[in-house]
Amino acid sequence: MIPIRKAYGYVTRTINGETQVLVFQHPISEAGIQIPKGTVEPHEDTYQAVGNERRNRS
């Protein structure tokens, strides 16, 4: 079995002294609320993959 590499990162901000974490509602309602994450493509390293996911979701 070939492993599938995944990448994720937490995007945070502080407003009025409270830290917030970026999340999104998955289009499939059963999947719930998630953090930005995705599969590392063959041409990417994990740092590039996290950056791409952040840009695609925020």
C-alpha atoms as a PDB file:
ATOM      1  CA  MET A   1       0.000   0.000   0.000  1.00  0.00           C
ATOM      2  CA  ILE A   2       1.326   3.439  -0.958  1.00  0.00           C
ATOM      3  CA  PRO A   3       0.897   6.016   1.831  1.00  0.00           C
ATOM      4  CA  ILE A   4      -1.009   9.214   1.047  1.00  0.00           C
ATOM      5  CA  ARG A   5       0.765  12.286   2.388  1.00  0.00           C
ATOM      6  CA  LYS A   6      -1.518  14.913   3.937  1.00  0.00           C
ATOM      7  CA  ALA A   7      -0.767  18.469   5.003  1.00  0.00           C
ATOM      8  CA  TYR A   8      -2.620  20.817   7.301  1.00  0.00           C
ATOM      9  CA  GLY A   9      -1.933  23.985   9.187  1.00  0.00           C
ATOM     10  CA  TYR A  10      -3.756  26.067  11.738  1.00  0.00           C
ATOM     11  CA  VAL A  11      -4.463  29.653  10.707  1.00  0.00           C
ATOM     12  CA  THR A  12      -5.135  31.852  13.724  1.00  0.00           C
ATOM     13  CA  ARG A  13      -5.887  35.452  14.495  1.00  0.00           C
ATOM     14  CA  THR A  14      -6.449  37.396  17.685  1.00  0.00           C
ATOM     15  CA  ILE A  15      -9.390  39.794  17.999  1.00  0.00           C
ATOM     16  CA  ASN A  16     -10.141  41.625  21.236  1.00  0.00           C
ATOM     17  CA  GLY A  17      -7.727  39.348  23.074  1.00  0.00           C
ATOM     18  CA  GLU A  18      -9.376  36.122  21.852  1.00  0.00           C
ATOM     19  CA  THR A  19      -7.611  33.695  19.541  1.00  0.00           C
ATOM     20  CA  GLN A  20      -9.695  32.370  16.651  1.00  0.00           C
ATOM     21  CA  VAL A  21      -8.906  29.399  14.401  1.00  0.00           C
ATOM     22  CA  LEU A  22      -9.865  29.327  10.704  1.00  0.00           C
ATOM     23  CA  VAL A  23     -12.353  26.526   9.976  1.00  0.00           C
ATOM     24  CA  PHE A  24     -14.841  25.890   7.189  1.00  0.00           C
ATOM     25  CA  GLN A  25     -18.030  23.928   6.669  1.00  0.00           C
ATOM     26  CA  HIS A  26     -17.330  21.002   4.350  1.00  0.00           C
ATOM     27  CA  PRO A  27     -19.667  20.895   1.308  1.00  0.00           C
ATOM     28  CA  ILE A  28     -20.797  17.421   2.420  1.00  0.00           C
ATOM     29  CA  SER A  29     -22.739  18.264   5.574  1.00  0.00           C
ATOM     30  CA  GLU A  30     -21.944  14.914   7.214  1.00  0.00           C
ATOM     31  CA  ALA A  31     -18.228  15.813   7.085  1.00  0.00           C
ATOM     32  CA  GLY A  32     -18.848  18.750   9.437  1.00  0.00           C
ATOM     33  CA  ILE A  33     -16.575  21.659  10.254  1.00  0.00           C
ATOM     34  CA  GLN A  34     -12.916  21.184   9.308  1.00  0.00           C
ATOM     35  CA  ILE A  35      -9.545  22.886   9.230  1.00  0.00           C
ATOM     36  CA  PRO A  36      -7.846  23.502   5.844  1.00  0.00           C
ATOM     37  CA  LYS A  37      -6.025  20.323   4.829  1.00  0.00           C
ATOM     38  CA  GLY A  38      -5.297  18.318   1.738  1.00  0.00           C
ATOM     39  CA  THR A  39      -3.153  15.800  -0.075  1.00  0.00           C
ATOM     40  CA  VAL A  40       0.487  16.620  -0.787  1.00  0.00           C
ATOM     41  CA  GLU A  41       0.838  16.501  -4.580  1.00  0.00           C
ATOM     42  CA  PRO A  42       3.845  14.693  -6.112  1.00  0.00           C
ATOM     43  CA  HIS A  43       5.475  17.997  -7.179  1.00  0.00           C
ATOM     44  CA  GLU A  44       5.072  19.619  -3.704  1.00  0.00           C
ATOM     45  CA  ASP A  45       6.821  19.373  -0.394  1.00  0.00           C
ATOM     46  CA  THR A  46       4.722  19.586   2.770  1.00  0.00           C
ATOM     47  CA  TYR A  47       5.420  23.309   3.273  1.00  0.00           C
ATOM     48  CA  GLN A  48       4.167  24.124  -0.225  1.00  0.00           C
ATOM     49  CA  ALA A  49       1.083  21.972   0.311  1.00  0.00           C
ATOM     50  CA  VAL A  50       0.182  23.765   3.560  1.00  0.00           C
ATOM     51  CA  GLY A  51       0.589  27.134   1.825  1.00  0.00           C
ATOM     52  CA  ASN A  52      -1.626  26.048  -1.049  1.00  0.00           C
ATOM     53  CA  GLU A  53      -4.341  24.798   1.296  1.00  0.00           C
ATOM     54  CA  ARG A  54      -4.228  28.037   3.286  1.00  0.00           C
ATOM     55  CA  ARG A  55      -4.597  30.117   0.117  1.00  0.00           C
ATOM     56  CA  ASN A  56      -7.400  27.930  -1.238  1.00  0.00           C
ATOM     57  CA  ARG A  57      -9.485  28.054   1.937  1.00  0.00           C
ATOM     58  CA  SER A  58      -8.918  31.498   3.403  1.00  0.00           C
END
